[in-house]
Amino acid sequence: MTNDEKKILAHIVVDPDAWYNHAVSWFGQELADQHLAVKVAKYKDQYDGEKVKPGYKNRLERDQEEELKRKK
């Protein structure tokens, strides 16, 4: 997984490495790479539009922020 793919994946999943490793364990390397390419292509434009906004947060950061709000 490239750094760019990882950033795009982090926009939509909490742990890109865990997602990818899970895909490899279920489907094997070749099919996991195909799934990764499809997912990255699907969300690239959304990520590109969001990452330039002030205060951009990836999925993990957004989830953590929401959890803090719920605890207050």
C-alpha atoms as a PDB file:
ATOM      1  CA  MET A   1       0.000   0.000   0.000  1.00  0.00           C
ATOM      2  CA  THR A   2       1.435   3.367  -0.967  1.00  0.00           C
ATOM      3  CA  ASN A   3       1.434   6.341   1.377  1.00  0.00           C
ATOM      4  CA  ASP A   4      -1.239   8.056  -0.761  1.00  0.00           C
ATOM      5  CA  GLU A   5      -3.431   4.948  -0.743  1.00  0.00           C
ATOM      6  CA  LYS A   6      -3.042   4.740   3.019  1.00  0.00           C
ATOM      7  CA  LYS A   7      -4.111   8.383   3.468  1.00  0.00           C
ATOM      8  CA  ILE A   8      -7.192   7.886   1.293  1.00  0.00           C
ATOM      9  CA  LEU A   9      -8.071   4.691   3.121  1.00  0.00           C
ATOM     10  CA  ALA A  10      -7.588   6.472   6.473  1.00  0.00           C
ATOM     11  CA  HIS A  11     -10.239   8.931   5.334  1.00  0.00           C
ATOM     12  CA  ILE A  12     -12.838   6.155   5.469  1.00  0.00           C
ATOM     13  CA  VAL A  13     -11.530   3.426   7.795  1.00  0.00           C
ATOM     14  CA  VAL A  14     -10.174   3.687  11.330  1.00  0.00           C
ATOM     15  CA  ASP A  15      -7.030   1.604  10.746  1.00  0.00           C
ATOM     16  CA  PRO A  16      -5.851   1.307   7.129  1.00  0.00           C
ATOM     17  CA  ASP A  17      -3.167  -1.265   7.977  1.00  0.00           C
ATOM     18  CA  ALA A  18      -5.652  -3.491   9.798  1.00  0.00           C
ATOM     19  CA  TRP A  19      -8.125  -3.171   6.910  1.00  0.00           C
ATOM     20  CA  TYR A  20      -5.486  -4.140   4.383  1.00  0.00           C
ATOM     21  CA  ASN A  21      -4.090  -7.009   6.466  1.00  0.00           C
ATOM     22  CA  HIS A  22      -7.612  -8.343   6.954  1.00  0.00           C
ATOM     23  CA  ALA A  23      -8.236  -8.186   3.208  1.00  0.00           C
ATOM     24  CA  VAL A  24      -4.994 -10.048   2.518  1.00  0.00           C
ATOM     25  CA  SER A  25      -5.844 -12.726   5.091  1.00  0.00           C
ATOM     26  CA  TRP A  26      -9.284 -13.274   3.550  1.00  0.00           C
ATOM     27  CA  PHE A  27      -8.592 -12.862  -0.157  1.00  0.00           C
ATOM     28  CA  GLY A  28      -4.833 -13.204  -0.654  1.00  0.00           C
ATOM     29  CA  GLN A  29      -2.426 -10.524  -1.815  1.00  0.00           C
ATOM     30  CA  GLU A  30      -3.584 -10.139  -5.412  1.00  0.00           C
ATOM     31  CA  LEU A  31      -7.293  -9.871  -4.678  1.00  0.00           C
ATOM     32  CA  ALA A  32      -6.659  -7.646  -1.644  1.00  0.00           C
ATOM     33  CA  ASP A  33      -4.705  -5.272  -3.880  1.00  0.00           C
ATOM     34  CA  GLN A  34      -7.638  -5.222  -6.291  1.00  0.00           C
ATOM     35  CA  HIS A  35     -10.046  -4.412  -3.447  1.00  0.00           C
ATOM     36  CA  LEU A  36      -7.694  -1.683  -2.261  1.00  0.00           C
ATOM     37  CA  ALA A  37      -7.536  -0.149  -5.742  1.00  0.00           C
ATOM     38  CA  VAL A  38     -11.341  -0.130  -6.005  1.00  0.00           C
ATOM     39  CA  LYS A  39     -11.796   1.418  -2.556  1.00  0.00           C
ATOM     40  CA  VAL A  40      -9.122   4.065  -3.174  1.00  0.00           C
ATOM     41  CA  ALA A  41     -10.624   4.983  -6.554  1.00  0.00           C
ATOM     42  CA  LYS A  42     -14.083   5.236  -4.996  1.00  0.00           C
ATOM     43  CA  TYR A  43     -13.017   7.665  -2.256  1.00  0.00           C
ATOM     44  CA  LYS A  44     -10.121   9.586  -3.841  1.00  0.00           C
ATOM     45  CA  ASP A  45     -12.207  12.550  -4.990  1.00  0.00           C
ATOM     46  CA  GLN A  46     -13.979  12.770  -1.644  1.00  0.00           C
ATOM     47  CA  TYR A  47     -10.647  12.683   0.197  1.00  0.00           C
ATOM     48  CA  ASP A  48      -9.083  15.247  -2.148  1.00  0.00           C
ATOM     49  CA  GLY A  49     -11.983  17.619  -1.501  1.00  0.00           C
ATOM     50  CA  GLU A  50     -11.883  17.213   2.268  1.00  0.00           C
ATOM     51  CA  LYS A  51      -8.147  17.181   2.969  1.00  0.00           C
ATOM     52  CA  VAL A  52      -7.712  20.798   1.862  1.00  0.00           C
ATOM     53  CA  LYS A  53     -10.287  22.106   4.317  1.00  0.00           C
ATOM     54  CA  PRO A  54      -9.009  23.691   7.514  1.00  0.00           C
ATOM     55  CA  GLY A  55      -9.035  21.258  10.407  1.00  0.00           C
ATOM     56  CA  TYR A  56      -9.305  18.144   8.259  1.00  0.00           C
ATOM     57  CA  LYS A  57      -9.483  14.944  10.288  1.00  0.00           C
ATOM     58  CA  ASN A  58      -9.219  11.373   9.093  1.00  0.00           C
ATOM     59  CA  ARG A  59     -11.705   8.688  10.178  1.00  0.00           C
ATOM     60  CA  LEU A  60      -9.888   7.777  13.390  1.00  0.00           C
ATOM     61  CA  GLU A  61      -9.619  11.420  14.424  1.00  0.00           C
ATOM     62  CA  ARG A  62     -13.297  12.054  13.628  1.00  0.00           C
ATOM     63  CA  ASP A  63     -14.367   8.993  15.603  1.00  0.00           C
ATOM     64  CA  GLN A  64     -12.220  10.002  18.574  1.00  0.00           C
ATOM     65  CA  GLU A  65     -13.704  13.508  18.483  1.00  0.00           C
ATOM     66  CA  GLU A  66     -17.236  12.102  18.408  1.00  0.00           C
ATOM     67  CA  GLU A  67     -16.460   9.811  21.329  1.00  0.00           C
ATOM     68  CA  LEU A  68     -15.212  12.750  23.384  1.00  0.00           C
ATOM     69  CA  LYS A  69     -18.414  14.680  22.617  1.00  0.00           C
ATOM     70  CA  ARG A  70     -20.536  11.725  23.741  1.00  0.00           C
ATOM     71  CA  LYS A  71     -18.681  11.486  27.033  1.00  0.00           C
ATOM     72  CA  LYS A  72     -19.341  15.114  27.945  1.00  0.00           C
END
